[in-house]
Amino acid sequence: MGAAKASNSKDTYLATAVTFIVIGALYLIDKLIHFSTLGLPWVMNKDNMLLYASICFLIFKRDKSIGFVLLGLWLVMNIGLVMSLLGSLSGYLLPLTLLIIGIILFWFAKR
């Protein structure tokens, strides 16, 4: 039990360290070349920092729950973008997706 907890902490530290490195590198690159002048202002959007963190946690942490929670928060914060990308299907697809995800999470919680 202690070894599993230590491994989990190592995974968390690794994912957090990589997240800080990625965000720090992005800020440094933005200070040097300015993403907005390249036509990429969305790269440094504050909401997208949550997306970058979720991707780092999904890649570097064995337990994917934190990465999925961060990704879910990013989706909720950018619901307008998601709906515009989905087009006319978003009226039905989003509520159905939320219901399915909620049912799956409820099922896992009761297991």
PDB file of N, CA and C in Angstrom:
ATOM      1  N   MET A   1       0.828  -1.188   0.000  1.00  0.00           N
ATOM      2  CA  MET A   1       0.000   0.000   0.000  1.00  0.00           C
ATOM      3  C   MET A   1       0.869   1.248   0.000  1.00  0.00           C
ATOM      4  N   GLY A   2       1.937   1.252   0.778  1.00  0.00           N
ATOM      5  CA  GLY A   2       2.820   2.406   0.842  1.00  0.00           C
ATOM      6  C   GLY A   2       3.542   2.650  -0.466  1.00  0.00           C
ATOM      7  N   ALA A   3       3.930   1.567  -1.161  1.00  0.00           N
ATOM      8  CA  ALA A   3       4.632   1.704  -2.444  1.00  0.00           C
ATOM      9  C   ALA A   3       3.705   2.280  -3.504  1.00  0.00           C
ATOM     10  N   ALA A   4       2.432   1.877  -3.466  1.00  0.00           N
ATOM     11  CA  ALA A   4       1.480   2.411  -4.444  1.00  0.00           C
ATOM     12  C   ALA A   4       1.264   3.903  -4.209  1.00  0.00           C
ATOM     13  N   LYS A   5       1.201   4.307  -2.951  1.00  0.00           N
ATOM     14  CA  LYS A   5       1.012   5.717  -2.645  1.00  0.00           C
ATOM     15  C   LYS A   5       2.233   6.531  -3.060  1.00  0.00           C
ATOM     16  N   ALA A   6       3.424   5.997  -2.850  1.00  0.00           N
ATOM     17  CA  ALA A   6       4.645   6.698  -3.248  1.00  0.00           C
ATOM     18  C   ALA A   6       4.705   6.832  -4.760  1.00  0.00           C
ATOM     19  N   SER A   7       4.311   5.795  -5.485  1.00  0.00           N
ATOM     20  CA  SER A   7       4.299   5.848  -6.944  1.00  0.00           C
ATOM     21  C   SER A   7       3.284   6.877  -7.427  1.00  0.00           C
ATOM     22  N   ASN A   8       2.137   6.944  -6.746  1.00  0.00           N
ATOM     23  CA  ASN A   8       1.111   7.916  -7.101  1.00  0.00           C
ATOM     24  C   ASN A   8       1.626   9.329  -6.884  1.00  0.00           C
ATOM     25  N   SER A   9       2.355   9.549  -5.797  1.00  0.00           N
ATOM     26  CA  SER A   9       2.920  10.872  -5.530  1.00  0.00           C
ATOM     27  C   SER A   9       3.969  11.226  -6.574  1.00  0.00           C
ATOM     28  N   LYS A  10       4.783  10.253  -6.962  1.00  0.00           N
ATOM     29  CA  LYS A  10       5.792  10.497  -7.999  1.00  0.00           C
ATOM     30  C   LYS A  10       5.129  10.872  -9.312  1.00  0.00           C
ATOM     31  N   ASP A  11       4.046  10.168  -9.664  1.00  0.00           N
ATOM     32  CA  ASP A  11       3.303  10.493 -10.884  1.00  0.00           C
ATOM     33  C   ASP A  11       2.748  11.909 -10.827  1.00  0.00           C
ATOM     34  N   THR A  12       2.222  12.265  -9.664  1.00  0.00           N
ATOM     35  CA  THR A  12       1.648  13.602  -9.504  1.00  0.00           C
ATOM     36  C   THR A  12       2.729  14.667  -9.620  1.00  0.00           C
ATOM     37  N   TYR A  13       3.865  14.440  -8.976  1.00  0.00           N
ATOM     38  CA  TYR A  13       4.966  15.397  -9.067  1.00  0.00           C
ATOM     39  C   TYR A  13       5.470  15.520 -10.499  1.00  0.00           C
ATOM     40  N   LEU A  14       5.573  14.387 -11.197  1.00  0.00           N
ATOM     41  CA  LEU A  14       6.048  14.410 -12.574  1.00  0.00           C
ATOM     42  C   LEU A  14       5.078  15.177 -13.469  1.00  0.00           C
ATOM     43  N   ALA A  15       3.798  14.885 -13.355  1.00  0.00           N
ATOM     44  CA  ALA A  15       2.797  15.578 -14.173  1.00  0.00           C
ATOM     45  C   ALA A  15       2.759  17.066 -13.852  1.00  0.00           C
ATOM     46  N   THR A  16       2.867  17.417 -12.587  1.00  0.00           N
ATOM     47  CA  THR A  16       2.879  18.825 -12.196  1.00  0.00           C
ATOM     48  C   THR A  16       4.127  19.520 -12.721  1.00  0.00           C
ATOM     49  N   ALA A  17       5.272  18.866 -12.618  1.00  0.00           N
ATOM     50  CA  ALA A  17       6.522  19.448 -13.111  1.00  0.00           C
ATOM     51  C   ALA A  17       6.465  19.681 -14.612  1.00  0.00           C
ATOM     52  N   VAL A  18       5.957  18.699 -15.354  1.00  0.00           N
ATOM     53  CA  VAL A  18       5.855  18.859 -16.807  1.00  0.00           C
ATOM     54  C   VAL A  18       4.867  19.964 -17.154  1.00  0.00           C
ATOM     55  N   THR A  19       3.783  20.063 -16.403  1.00  0.00           N
ATOM     56  CA  THR A  19       2.815  21.149 -16.633  1.00  0.00           C
ATOM     57  C   THR A  19       3.472  22.509 -16.437  1.00  0.00           C
ATOM     58  N   PHE A  20       4.222  22.667 -15.353  1.00  0.00           N
ATOM     59  CA  PHE A  20       4.914  23.931 -15.110  1.00  0.00           C
ATOM     60  C   PHE A  20       5.932  24.230 -16.204  1.00  0.00           C
ATOM     61  N   ILE A  21       6.648  23.211 -16.656  1.00  0.00           N
ATOM     62  CA  ILE A  21       7.635  23.403 -17.720  1.00  0.00           C
ATOM     63  C   ILE A  21       6.957  23.842 -19.011  1.00  0.00           C
ATOM     64  N   VAL A  22       5.858  23.187 -19.364  1.00  0.00           N
ATOM     65  CA  VAL A  22       5.139  23.525 -20.603  1.00  0.00           C
ATOM     66  C   VAL A  22       4.592  24.950 -20.537  1.00  0.00           C
ATOM     67  N   ILE A  23       3.938  25.289 -19.440  1.00  0.00           N
ATOM     68  CA  ILE A  23       3.357  26.632 -19.323  1.00  0.00           C
ATOM     69  C   ILE A  23       4.455  27.686 -19.258  1.00  0.00           C
ATOM     70  N   GLY A  24       5.536  27.408 -18.523  1.00  0.00           N
ATOM     71  CA  GLY A  24       6.663  28.346 -18.473  1.00  0.00           C
ATOM     72  C   GLY A  24       7.293  28.543 -19.833  1.00  0.00           C
ATOM     73  N   ALA A  25       7.471  27.463 -20.581  1.00  0.00           N
ATOM     74  CA  ALA A  25       8.038  27.561 -21.930  1.00  0.00           C
ATOM     75  C   ALA A  25       7.118  28.353 -22.847  1.00  0.00           C
ATOM     76  N   LEU A  26       5.822  28.129 -22.728  1.00  0.00           N
ATOM     77  CA  LEU A  26       4.882  28.887 -23.560  1.00  0.00           C
ATOM     78  C   LEU A  26       4.936  30.379 -23.248  1.00  0.00           C
ATOM     79  N   TYR A  27       4.994  30.716 -21.952  1.00  0.00           N
ATOM     80  CA  TYR A  27       5.100  32.127 -21.583  1.00  0.00           C
ATOM     81  C   TYR A  27       6.404  32.743 -22.095  1.00  0.00           C
ATOM     82  N   LEU A  28       7.506  32.011 -21.993  1.00  0.00           N
ATOM     83  CA  LEU A  28       8.787  32.518 -22.474  1.00  0.00           C
ATOM     84  C   LEU A  28       8.769  32.707 -23.991  1.00  0.00           C
ATOM     85  N   ILE A  29       8.243  31.726 -24.701  1.00  0.00           N
ATOM     86  CA  ILE A  29       8.146  31.850 -26.164  1.00  0.00           C
ATOM     87  C   ILE A  29       7.246  33.016 -26.538  1.00  0.00           C
ATOM     88  N   ASP A  30       6.144  33.188 -25.784  1.00  0.00           N
ATOM     89  CA  ASP A  30       5.244  34.308 -26.070  1.00  0.00           C
ATOM     90  C   ASP A  30       5.938  35.645 -25.848  1.00  0.00           C
ATOM     91  N   LYS A  31       6.785  35.738 -24.830  1.00  0.00           N
ATOM     92  CA  LYS A  31       7.520  36.984 -24.583  1.00  0.00           C
ATOM     93  C   LYS A  31       8.531  37.259 -25.693  1.00  0.00           C
ATOM     94  N   LEU A  32       9.079  36.202 -26.284  1.00  0.00           N
ATOM     95  CA  LEU A  32      10.092  36.376 -27.324  1.00  0.00           C
ATOM     96  C   LEU A  32       9.501  36.615 -28.709  1.00  0.00           C
ATOM     97  N   ILE A  33       8.488  35.842 -29.087  1.00  0.00           N
ATOM     98  CA  ILE A  33       7.975  35.974 -30.456  1.00  0.00           C
ATOM     99  C   ILE A  33       6.509  36.368 -30.543  1.00  0.00           C
ATOM    100  N   HIS A  34       5.792  36.428 -29.454  1.00  0.00           N
ATOM    101  CA  HIS A  34       4.387  36.852 -29.402  1.00  0.00           C
ATOM    102  C   HIS A  34       3.513  36.025 -30.342  1.00  0.00           C
ATOM    103  N   PHE A  35       2.805  35.075 -29.767  1.00  0.00           N
ATOM    104  CA  PHE A  35       1.926  34.217 -30.538  1.00  0.00           C
ATOM    105  C   PHE A  35       0.865  35.006 -31.302  1.00  0.00           C
ATOM    106  N   SER A  36       0.421  36.132 -30.731  1.00  0.00           N
ATOM    107  CA  SER A  36      -0.621  36.916 -31.392  1.00  0.00           C
ATOM    108  C   SER A  36      -0.145  37.491 -32.727  1.00  0.00           C
ATOM    109  N   THR A  37       1.144  37.814 -32.841  1.00  0.00           N
ATOM    110  CA  THR A  37       1.644  38.328 -34.121  1.00  0.00           C
ATOM    111  C   THR A  37       1.742  37.219 -35.164  1.00  0.00           C
ATOM    112  N   LEU A  38       1.780  35.974 -34.713  1.00  0.00           N
ATOM    113  CA  LEU A  38       1.802  34.838 -35.637  1.00  0.00           C
ATOM    114  C   LEU A  38       0.399  34.360 -35.998  1.00  0.00           C
ATOM    115  N   GLY A  39      -0.611  35.046 -35.472  1.00  0.00           N
ATOM    116  CA  GLY A  39      -1.993  34.651 -35.721  1.00  0.00           C
ATOM    117  C   GLY A  39      -2.466  33.534 -34.814  1.00  0.00           C
ATOM    118  N   LEU A  40      -1.797  33.356 -33.693  1.00  0.00           N
ATOM    119  CA  LEU A  40      -2.149  32.297 -32.748  1.00  0.00           C
ATOM    120  C   LEU A  40      -2.432  32.857 -31.351  1.00  0.00           C
ATOM    121  N   PRO A  41      -3.347  33.812 -31.217  1.00  0.00           N
ATOM    122  CA  PRO A  41      -3.575  34.385 -29.882  1.00  0.00           C
ATOM    123  C   PRO A  41      -4.219  33.404 -28.906  1.00  0.00           C
ATOM    124  N   TRP A  42      -4.870  32.374 -29.423  1.00  0.00           N
ATOM    125  CA  TRP A  42      -5.545  31.395 -28.569  1.00  0.00           C
ATOM    126  C   TRP A  42      -4.559  30.542 -27.764  1.00  0.00           C
ATOM    127  N   VAL A  43      -3.296  30.474 -28.206  1.00  0.00           N
ATOM    128  CA  VAL A  43      -2.311  29.638 -27.506  1.00  0.00           C
ATOM    129  C   VAL A  43      -2.128  30.118 -26.070  1.00  0.00           C
ATOM    130  N   MET A  44      -2.130  31.400 -25.859  1.00  0.00           N
ATOM    131  CA  MET A  44      -1.893  31.944 -24.519  1.00  0.00           C
ATOM    132  C   MET A  44      -3.187  32.339 -23.805  1.00  0.00           C
ATOM    133  N   ASN A  45      -4.314  31.882 -24.313  1.00  0.00           N
ATOM    134  CA  ASN A  45      -5.588  32.126 -23.640  1.00  0.00           C
ATOM    135  C   ASN A  45      -5.556  31.433 -22.279  1.00  0.00           C
ATOM    136  N   LYS A  46      -5.977  32.135 -21.243  1.00  0.00           N
ATOM    137  CA  LYS A  46      -5.899  31.586 -19.883  1.00  0.00           C
ATOM    138  C   LYS A  46      -6.698  30.302 -19.738  1.00  0.00           C
ATOM    139  N   ASP A  47      -7.802  30.181 -20.447  1.00  0.00           N
ATOM    140  CA  ASP A  47      -8.586  28.951 -20.379  1.00  0.00           C
ATOM    141  C   ASP A  47      -7.807  27.760 -20.921  1.00  0.00           C
ATOM    142  N   ASN A  48      -6.965  28.006 -21.916  1.00  0.00           N
ATOM    143  CA  ASN A  48      -6.214  26.909 -22.522  1.00  0.00           C
ATOM    144  C   ASN A  48      -5.101  26.389 -21.619  1.00  0.00           C
ATOM    145  N   MET A  49      -4.703  27.146 -20.626  1.00  0.00           N
ATOM    146  CA  MET A  49      -3.708  26.646 -19.670  1.00  0.00           C
ATOM    147  C   MET A  49      -4.265  25.431 -18.942  1.00  0.00           C
ATOM    148  N   LEU A  50      -5.555  25.439 -18.681  1.00  0.00           N
ATOM    149  CA  LEU A  50      -6.213  24.290 -18.059  1.00  0.00           C
ATOM    150  C   LEU A  50      -6.189  23.088 -19.008  1.00  0.00           C
ATOM    151  N   LEU A  51      -6.358  23.337 -20.293  1.00  0.00           N
ATOM    152  CA  LEU A  51      -6.269  22.275 -21.291  1.00  0.00           C
ATOM    153  C   LEU A  51      -4.868  21.683 -21.330  1.00  0.00           C
ATOM    154  N   TYR A  52      -3.848  22.529 -21.307  1.00  0.00           N
ATOM    155  CA  TYR A  52      -2.463  22.044 -21.317  1.00  0.00           C
ATOM    156  C   TYR A  52      -2.174  21.207 -20.076  1.00  0.00           C
ATOM    157  N   ALA A  53      -2.679  21.662 -18.927  1.00  0.00           N
ATOM    158  CA  ALA A  53      -2.475  20.904 -17.687  1.00  0.00           C
ATOM    159  C   ALA A  53      -3.174  19.553 -17.767  1.00  0.00           C
ATOM    160  N   SER A  54      -4.379  19.530 -18.303  1.00  0.00           N
ATOM    161  CA  SER A  54      -5.095  18.256 -18.400  1.00  0.00           C
ATOM    162  C   SER A  54      -4.374  17.289 -19.327  1.00  0.00           C
ATOM    163  N   ILE A  55      -3.829  17.781 -20.422  1.00  0.00           N
ATOM    164  CA  ILE A  55      -3.087  16.922 -21.341  1.00  0.00           C
ATOM    165  C   ILE A  55      -1.835  16.364 -20.661  1.00  0.00           C
ATOM    166  N   CYS A  56      -1.118  17.209 -19.924  1.00  0.00           N
ATOM    167  CA  CYS A  56       0.076  16.743 -19.208  1.00  0.00           C
ATOM    168  C   CYS A  56      -0.283  15.677 -18.176  1.00  0.00           C
ATOM    169  N   PHE A  57      -1.376  15.875 -17.438  1.00  0.00           N
ATOM    170  CA  PHE A  57      -1.776  14.900 -16.433  1.00  0.00           C
ATOM    171  C   PHE A  57      -2.259  13.605 -17.080  1.00  0.00           C
ATOM    172  N   LEU A  58      -2.907  13.698 -18.243  1.00  0.00           N
ATOM    173  CA  LEU A  58      -3.337  12.479 -18.922  1.00  0.00           C
ATOM    174  C   LEU A  58      -2.153  11.686 -19.464  1.00  0.00           C
ATOM    175  N   ILE A  59      -1.109  12.387 -19.879  1.00  0.00           N
ATOM    176  CA  ILE A  59       0.058  11.697 -20.441  1.00  0.00           C
ATOM    177  C   ILE A  59       0.963  11.130 -19.351  1.00  0.00           C
ATOM    178  N   PHE A  60       1.237  11.902 -18.301  1.00  0.00           N
ATOM    179  CA  PHE A  60       2.281  11.532 -17.351  1.00  0.00           C
ATOM    180  C   PHE A  60       1.796  10.913 -16.050  1.00  0.00           C
ATOM    181  N   LYS A  61       0.515  10.859 -15.798  1.00  0.00           N
ATOM    182  CA  LYS A  61       0.021  10.285 -14.543  1.00  0.00           C
ATOM    183  C   LYS A  61      -0.734   8.998 -14.847  1.00  0.00           C
ATOM    184  N   ARG A  62      -0.444   7.965 -14.078  1.00  0.00           N
ATOM    185  CA  ARG A  62      -1.112   6.675 -14.301  1.00  0.00           C
ATOM    186  C   ARG A  62      -2.602   6.769 -14.029  1.00  0.00           C
ATOM    187  N   ASP A  63      -2.974   7.405 -12.930  1.00  0.00           N
ATOM    188  CA  ASP A  63      -4.382   7.597 -12.600  1.00  0.00           C
ATOM    189  C   ASP A  63      -4.887   8.778 -13.425  1.00  0.00           C
ATOM    190  N   LYS A  64      -5.726   8.520 -14.377  1.00  0.00           N
ATOM    191  CA  LYS A  64      -6.162   9.531 -15.347  1.00  0.00           C
ATOM    192  C   LYS A  64      -7.296  10.420 -14.832  1.00  0.00           C
ATOM    193  N   SER A  65      -7.763  10.190 -13.605  1.00  0.00           N
ATOM    194  CA  SER A  65      -8.935  10.914 -13.116  1.00  0.00           C
ATOM    195  C   SER A  65      -8.703  12.427 -13.046  1.00  0.00           C
ATOM    196  N   ILE A  66      -7.553  12.857 -12.584  1.00  0.00           N
ATOM    197  CA  ILE A  66      -7.276  14.297 -12.488  1.00  0.00           C
ATOM    198  C   ILE A  66      -7.251  14.914 -13.875  1.00  0.00           C
ATOM    199  N   GLY A  67      -6.630  14.233 -14.820  1.00  0.00           N
ATOM    200  CA  GLY A  67      -6.595  14.734 -16.199  1.00  0.00           C
ATOM    201  C   GLY A  67      -7.982  14.864 -16.793  1.00  0.00           C
ATOM    202  N   PHE A  68      -8.844  13.877 -16.534  1.00  0.00           N
ATOM    203  CA  PHE A  68     -10.203  13.940 -17.063  1.00  0.00           C
ATOM    204  C   PHE A  68     -11.025  15.031 -16.376  1.00  0.00           C
ATOM    205  N   VAL A  69     -10.816  15.223 -15.087  1.00  0.00           N
ATOM    206  CA  VAL A  69     -11.525  16.298 -14.380  1.00  0.00           C
ATOM    207  C   VAL A  69     -11.093  17.659 -14.938  1.00  0.00           C
ATOM    208  N   LEU A  70      -9.791  17.855 -15.131  1.00  0.00           N
ATOM    209  CA  LEU A  70      -9.307  19.118 -15.696  1.00  0.00           C
ATOM    210  C   LEU A  70      -9.830  19.326 -17.115  1.00  0.00           C
ATOM    211  N   LEU A  71      -9.866  18.261 -17.899  1.00  0.00           N
ATOM    212  CA  LEU A  71     -10.397  18.346 -19.258  1.00  0.00           C
ATOM    213  C   LEU A  71     -11.882  18.673 -19.242  1.00  0.00           C
ATOM    214  N   GLY A  72     -12.617  18.071 -18.305  1.00  0.00           N
ATOM    215  CA  GLY A  72     -14.039  18.386 -18.160  1.00  0.00           C
ATOM    216  C   GLY A  72     -14.264  19.836 -17.766  1.00  0.00           C
ATOM    217  N   LEU A  73     -13.434  20.341 -16.848  1.00  0.00           N
ATOM    218  CA  LEU A  73     -13.538  21.759 -16.471  1.00  0.00           C
ATOM    219  C   LEU A  73     -13.266  22.665 -17.671  1.00  0.00           C
ATOM    220  N   TRP A  74     -12.263  22.304 -18.477  1.00  0.00           N
ATOM    221  CA  TRP A  74     -11.956  23.095 -19.662  1.00  0.00           C
ATOM    222  C   TRP A  74     -13.139  23.082 -20.626  1.00  0.00           C
ATOM    223  N   LEU A  75     -13.761  21.915 -20.794  1.00  0.00           N
ATOM    224  CA  LEU A  75     -14.918  21.820 -21.686  1.00  0.00           C
ATOM    225  C   LEU A  75     -16.078  22.678 -21.188  1.00  0.00           C
ATOM    226  N   VAL A  76     -16.323  22.658 -19.892  1.00  0.00           N
ATOM    227  CA  VAL A  76     -17.408  23.458 -19.329  1.00  0.00           C
ATOM    228  C   VAL A  76     -17.099  24.951 -19.482  1.00  0.00           C
ATOM    229  N   MET A  77     -15.853  25.341 -19.235  1.00  0.00           N
ATOM    230  CA  MET A  77     -15.478  26.755 -19.361  1.00  0.00           C
ATOM    231  C   MET A  77     -15.540  27.239 -20.811  1.00  0.00           C
ATOM    232  N   ASN A  78     -15.348  26.335 -21.759  1.00  0.00           N
ATOM    233  CA  ASN A  78     -15.347  26.694 -23.173  1.00  0.00           C
ATOM    234  C   ASN A  78     -16.509  26.054 -23.909  1.00  0.00           C
ATOM    235  N   ILE A  79     -17.650  26.001 -23.260  1.00  0.00           N
ATOM    236  CA  ILE A  79     -18.816  25.344 -23.834  1.00  0.00           C
ATOM    237  C   ILE A  79     -19.258  26.024 -25.127  1.00  0.00           C
ATOM    238  N   GLY A  80     -19.092  27.339 -25.212  1.00  0.00           N
ATOM    239  CA  GLY A  80     -19.449  28.054 -26.441  1.00  0.00           C
ATOM    240  C   GLY A  80     -18.613  27.595 -27.622  1.00  0.00           C
ATOM    241  N   LEU A  81     -17.329  27.429 -27.395  1.00  0.00           N
ATOM    242  CA  LEU A  81     -16.438  26.942 -28.449  1.00  0.00           C
ATOM    243  C   LEU A  81     -16.803  25.528 -28.860  1.00  0.00           C
ATOM    244  N   VAL A  82     -17.066  24.677 -27.885  1.00  0.00           N
ATOM    245  CA  VAL A  82     -17.418  23.292 -28.177  1.00  0.00           C
ATOM    246  C   VAL A  82     -18.719  23.240 -28.970  1.00  0.00           C
ATOM    247  N   MET A  83     -19.693  24.024 -28.571  1.00  0.00           N
ATOM    248  CA  MET A  83     -20.985  24.027 -29.267  1.00  0.00           C
ATOM    249  C   MET A  83     -20.852  24.574 -30.680  1.00  0.00           C
ATOM    250  N   SER A  84     -20.025  25.585 -30.862  1.00  0.00           N
ATOM    251  CA  SER A  84     -19.853  26.126 -32.212  1.00  0.00           C
ATOM    252  C   SER A  84     -19.125  25.128 -33.109  1.00  0.00           C
ATOM    253  N   LEU A  85     -18.203  24.349 -32.555  1.00  0.00           N
ATOM    254  CA  LEU A  85     -17.513  23.330 -33.335  1.00  0.00           C
ATOM    255  C   LEU A  85     -18.441  22.175 -33.717  1.00  0.00           C
ATOM    256  N   LEU A  86     -19.385  21.866 -32.850  1.00  0.00           N
ATOM    257  CA  LEU A  86     -20.310  20.769 -33.115  1.00  0.00           C
ATOM    258  C   LEU A  86     -21.438  21.170 -34.059  1.00  0.00           C
ATOM    259  N   GLY A  87     -21.719  22.468 -34.149  1.00  0.00           N
ATOM    260  CA  GLY A  87     -22.759  22.937 -35.049  1.00  0.00           C
ATOM    261  C   GLY A  87     -24.149  22.613 -34.545  1.00  0.00           C
ATOM    262  N   SER A  88     -25.030  22.210 -35.446  1.00  0.00           N
ATOM    263  CA  SER A  88     -26.432  21.987 -35.100  1.00  0.00           C
ATOM    264  C   SER A  88     -26.630  20.748 -34.227  1.00  0.00           C
ATOM    265  N   LEU A  89     -25.679  19.834 -34.241  1.00  0.00           N
ATOM    266  CA  LEU A  89     -25.792  18.644 -33.402  1.00  0.00           C
ATOM    267  C   LEU A  89     -25.639  18.955 -31.927  1.00  0.00           C
ATOM    268  N   SER A  90     -25.029  20.097 -31.611  1.00  0.00           N
ATOM    269  CA  SER A  90     -24.717  20.400 -30.218  1.00  0.00           C
ATOM    270  C   SER A  90     -25.954  20.495 -29.348  1.00  0.00           C
ATOM    271  N   GLY A  91     -27.078  20.832 -29.928  1.00  0.00           N
ATOM    272  CA  GLY A  91     -28.309  20.927 -29.150  1.00  0.00           C
ATOM    273  C   GLY A  91     -28.689  19.603 -28.513  1.00  0.00           C
ATOM    274  N   TYR A  92     -28.397  18.509 -29.172  1.00  0.00           N
ATOM    275  CA  TYR A  92     -28.741  17.185 -28.666  1.00  0.00           C
ATOM    276  C   TYR A  92     -27.523  16.428 -28.143  1.00  0.00           C
ATOM    277  N   LEU A  93     -26.395  16.634 -28.800  1.00  0.00           N
ATOM    278  CA  LEU A  93     -25.206  15.872 -28.466  1.00  0.00           C
ATOM    279  C   LEU A  93     -24.649  16.213 -27.087  1.00  0.00           C
ATOM    280  N   LEU A  94     -24.613  17.479 -26.755  1.00  0.00           N
ATOM    281  CA  LEU A  94     -24.064  17.889 -25.465  1.00  0.00           C
ATOM    282  C   LEU A  94     -24.868  17.348 -24.290  1.00  0.00           C
ATOM    283  N   PRO A  95     -26.198  17.528 -24.265  1.00  0.00           N
ATOM    284  CA  PRO A  95     -26.939  16.967 -23.119  1.00  0.00           C
ATOM    285  C   PRO A  95     -26.831  15.442 -23.036  1.00  0.00           C
ATOM    286  N   LEU A  96     -26.854  14.773 -24.188  1.00  0.00           N
ATOM    287  CA  LEU A  96     -26.716  13.319 -24.176  1.00  0.00           C
ATOM    288  C   LEU A  96     -25.351  12.897 -23.663  1.00  0.00           C
ATOM    289  N   THR A  97     -24.316  13.595 -24.076  1.00  0.00           N
ATOM    290  CA  THR A  97     -22.967  13.277 -23.613  1.00  0.00           C
ATOM    291  C   THR A  97     -22.858  13.477 -22.111  1.00  0.00           C
ATOM    292  N   LEU A  98     -23.393  14.594 -21.613  1.00  0.00           N
ATOM    293  CA  LEU A  98     -23.354  14.841 -20.167  1.00  0.00           C
ATOM    294  C   LEU A  98     -24.118  13.770 -19.399  1.00  0.00           C
ATOM    295  N   LEU A  99     -25.275  13.351 -19.924  1.00  0.00           N
ATOM    296  CA  LEU A  99     -26.043  12.293 -19.268  1.00  0.00           C
ATOM    297  C   LEU A  99     -25.272  10.973 -19.254  1.00  0.00           C
ATOM    298  N   ILE A 100     -24.674  10.623 -20.369  1.00  0.00           N
ATOM    299  CA  ILE A 100     -23.926   9.368 -20.454  1.00  0.00           C
ATOM    300  C   ILE A 100     -22.729   9.384 -19.514  1.00  0.00           C
ATOM    301  N   ILE A 101     -21.987  10.488 -19.505  1.00  0.00           N
ATOM    302  CA  ILE A 101     -20.833  10.594 -18.612  1.00  0.00           C
ATOM    303  C   ILE A 101     -21.274  10.528 -17.151  1.00  0.00           C
ATOM    304  N   GLY A 102     -22.363  11.212 -16.829  1.00  0.00           N
ATOM    305  CA  GLY A 102     -22.882  11.172 -15.461  1.00  0.00           C
ATOM    306  C   GLY A 102     -23.309   9.780 -15.041  1.00  0.00           C
ATOM    307  N   ILE A 103     -23.957   9.049 -15.944  1.00  0.00           N
ATOM    308  CA  ILE A 103     -24.389   7.682 -15.638  1.00  0.00           C
ATOM    309  C   ILE A 103     -23.183   6.776 -15.436  1.00  0.00           C
ATOM    310  N   ILE A 104     -22.176   6.913 -16.298  1.00  0.00           N
ATOM    311  CA  ILE A 104     -20.968   6.092 -16.166  1.00  0.00           C
ATOM    312  C   ILE A 104     -20.258   6.384 -14.852  1.00  0.00           C
ATOM    313  N   LEU A 105     -20.106   7.664 -14.516  1.00  0.00           N
ATOM    314  CA  LEU A 105     -19.449   8.023 -13.250  1.00  0.00           C
ATOM    315  C   LEU A 105     -20.254   7.515 -12.046  1.00  0.00           C
ATOM    316  N   PHE A 106     -21.580   7.632 -12.130  1.00  0.00           N
ATOM    317  CA  PHE A 106     -22.434   7.140 -11.053  1.00  0.00           C
ATOM    318  C   PHE A 106     -22.271   5.635 -10.903  1.00  0.00           C
ATOM    319  N   TRP A 107     -22.218   4.920 -12.014  1.00  0.00           N
ATOM    320  CA  TRP A 107     -22.048   3.470 -11.998  1.00  0.00           C
ATOM    321  C   TRP A 107     -20.723   3.083 -11.359  1.00  0.00           C
ATOM    322  N   PHE A 108     -19.629   3.808 -11.744  1.00  0.00           N
ATOM    323  CA  PHE A 108     -18.322   3.526 -11.140  1.00  0.00           C
ATOM    324  C   PHE A 108     -18.317   3.839  -9.655  1.00  0.00           C
ATOM    325  N   ALA A 109     -19.020   4.884  -9.235  1.00  0.00           N
ATOM    326  CA  ALA A 109     -19.053   5.254  -7.826  1.00  0.00           C
ATOM    327  C   ALA A 109     -19.794   4.223  -6.995  1.00  0.00           C
ATOM    328  N   LYS A 110     -20.786   3.599  -7.558  1.00  0.00           N
ATOM    329  CA  LYS A 110     -21.590   2.606  -6.834  1.00  0.00           C
ATOM    330  C   LYS A 110     -20.970   1.220  -6.853  1.00  0.00           C
ATOM    331  N   ARG A 111     -19.981   1.006  -7.715  1.00  0.00           N
ATOM    332  CA  ARG A 111     -19.341  -0.301  -7.843  1.00  0.00           C
ATOM    333  C   ARG A 111     -18.485  -0.665  -6.691  1.00  0.00           C
TER     334      ARG A 111
END
